[in-house]
Amino acid sequence: MRLADCYYVSKTYPEALINYRKVVQYKSADQDYAHLQSGAILGIMRKYEEAAAELDLVIKNFPQSHIFDEALFQRAQLDFEQGNYQPAVNGYTSLIQSKPSSRFVPYAYSRRAASFLI
């Protein structure tokens, strides 16, 4: 995992992705984080469908994870950035309702409002 994180912070995204996928393959306790980071990398690489699939895995399979709220936010953000505003609104609303004390809630309110204005 640390190797993948090192590649990520150095913006060597293909190598980071390979190593995050190894974490998932070996069924590490950090699979949720590996999927989240893979989704972020794939979004940066403009592989939006793959990014969405990675984030959806976190949302579907790890609802008790400490990064669940971040996955919800990043998934909605992915829709927002692609101009898919109604799915983005739905995602931000889901975050606001399911994790009202999340540090991402203020950003979700802001982005949700922006989705209505665009």
Protein backbone atom coordinates (compact mmCIF):
# COMPACT_ATOMS: atom_id res chain seq x y z
CA MET A 1 0.00 0.00 0.00
CA ARG A 2 2.76 2.43 0.88
CA LEU A 3 4.41 1.89 -2.47
CA ALA A 4 1.14 2.70 -4.24
CA ASP A 5 0.76 5.85 -2.14
CA CYS A 6 4.32 6.89 -3.01
CA TYR A 7 3.60 6.52 -6.70
CA TYR A 8 0.34 8.43 -6.24
CA VAL A 9 1.91 11.44 -4.55
CA SER A 10 4.67 11.51 -7.16
CA LYS A 11 1.95 11.50 -9.86
CA THR A 12 3.18 8.24 -11.37
CA TYR A 13 -0.42 7.17 -11.77
CA PRO A 14 -0.06 3.98 -13.86
CA GLU A 15 2.35 2.48 -11.31
CA ALA A 16 0.16 3.59 -8.42
CA LEU A 17 -2.85 1.95 -10.05
CA ILE A 18 -0.97 -1.32 -10.54
CA ASN A 19 -0.02 -1.38 -6.88
CA TYR A 20 -3.47 -0.44 -5.58
CA ARG A 21 -4.88 -3.29 -7.65
CA LYS A 22 -2.40 -5.65 -6.01
CA VAL A 23 -3.78 -4.59 -2.63
CA VAL A 24 -7.25 -5.56 -3.82
CA GLN A 25 -6.00 -8.80 -5.38
CA TYR A 26 -4.37 -9.88 -2.11
CA LYS A 27 -7.59 -9.04 -0.23
CA SER A 28 -5.83 -6.66 2.13
CA ALA A 29 -7.72 -4.99 4.95
CA ASP A 30 -7.24 -1.73 3.01
CA GLN A 31 -9.27 -2.78 -0.04
CA ASP A 32 -11.70 0.08 0.46
CA TYR A 33 -8.90 2.63 0.36
CA ALA A 34 -7.29 0.93 -2.65
CA HIS A 35 -10.58 1.13 -4.57
CA LEU A 36 -11.04 4.78 -3.57
CA GLN A 37 -7.53 5.71 -4.71
CA SER A 38 -7.95 3.71 -7.92
CA GLY A 39 -11.13 5.64 -8.62
CA ALA A 40 -9.34 8.93 -8.06
CA ILE A 41 -6.49 7.93 -10.37
CA LEU A 42 -8.81 6.70 -13.10
CA GLY A 43 -10.72 9.97 -12.90
CA ILE A 44 -7.47 11.91 -13.32
CA MET A 45 -6.67 9.70 -16.30
CA ARG A 46 -10.14 10.50 -17.73
CA LYS A 47 -11.24 6.88 -17.59
CA TYR A 48 -14.55 7.91 -16.11
CA GLU A 49 -16.48 4.66 -16.37
CA GLU A 50 -13.70 2.73 -14.68
CA ALA A 51 -13.37 5.43 -12.04
CA ALA A 52 -17.10 5.26 -11.32
CA ALA A 53 -16.93 1.47 -11.04
CA GLU A 54 -14.12 1.67 -8.46
CA LEU A 55 -15.96 4.25 -6.37
CA ASP A 56 -19.20 2.28 -6.65
CA LEU A 57 -17.37 -0.75 -5.23
CA VAL A 58 -16.51 1.22 -2.10
CA ILE A 59 -20.07 2.52 -1.78
CA LYS A 60 -21.65 -0.90 -2.31
CA ASN A 61 -19.23 -3.16 -0.44
CA PHE A 62 -17.86 -0.99 2.36
CA PRO A 63 -20.73 1.05 3.86
CA GLN A 64 -19.12 0.96 7.32
CA SER A 65 -15.74 2.15 6.08
CA HIS A 66 -14.24 5.32 7.51
CA ILE A 67 -13.83 6.55 3.91
CA PHE A 68 -17.40 5.79 2.82
CA ASP A 69 -18.30 9.48 2.90
CA GLU A 70 -15.30 10.36 0.77
CA ALA A 71 -16.32 7.71 -1.78
CA LEU A 72 -19.84 9.17 -1.94
CA PHE A 73 -18.44 12.65 -2.44
CA GLN A 74 -15.91 11.59 -5.06
CA ARG A 75 -18.57 9.64 -6.97
CA ALA A 76 -20.88 12.65 -7.05
CA GLN A 77 -17.94 14.87 -7.97
CA LEU A 78 -17.13 12.59 -10.90
CA ASP A 79 -20.68 13.07 -12.21
CA PHE A 80 -20.50 16.83 -11.63
CA GLU A 81 -17.23 17.17 -13.53
CA GLN A 82 -18.70 15.32 -16.51
CA GLY A 83 -21.77 17.54 -16.61
CA ASN A 84 -24.10 14.83 -15.29
CA TYR A 85 -25.79 17.18 -12.88
CA GLN A 86 -28.85 15.21 -11.79
CA PRO A 87 -26.83 12.13 -10.80
CA ALA A 88 -24.41 14.50 -9.05
CA VAL A 89 -27.29 16.08 -7.12
CA ASN A 90 -28.47 12.61 -6.13
CA GLY A 91 -24.98 11.67 -4.96
CA TYR A 92 -24.45 14.84 -2.94
CA THR A 93 -27.89 14.43 -1.39
CA SER A 94 -27.10 10.84 -0.46
CA LEU A 95 -23.95 11.99 1.31
CA ILE A 96 -25.74 14.80 3.14
CA GLN A 97 -28.49 12.48 4.34
CA SER A 98 -26.40 9.43 5.22
CA LYS A 99 -23.37 11.15 6.78
CA PRO A 100 -24.56 14.55 8.08
CA SER A 101 -21.46 15.06 10.24
CA SER A 102 -19.00 14.31 7.42
CA ARG A 103 -16.32 16.86 6.65
CA PHE A 104 -17.50 16.64 3.02
CA VAL A 105 -21.04 17.86 3.74
CA PRO A 106 -20.31 21.61 3.33
CA TYR A 107 -18.72 20.88 -0.06
CA ALA A 108 -21.63 18.64 -1.00
CA TYR A 109 -24.10 21.46 -0.27
CA SER A 110 -22.04 23.87 -2.35
CA ARG A 111 -21.67 21.52 -5.30
CA ARG A 112 -25.30 20.47 -5.13
CA ALA A 113 -26.34 24.12 -5.32
CA ALA A 114 -23.99 24.67 -8.24
CA SER A 115 -25.52 21.67 -10.02
CA PHE A 116 -28.89 23.37 -9.94
CA LEU A 117 -27.50 26.61 -11.35
CA ILE A 118 -25.64 25.17 -14.30
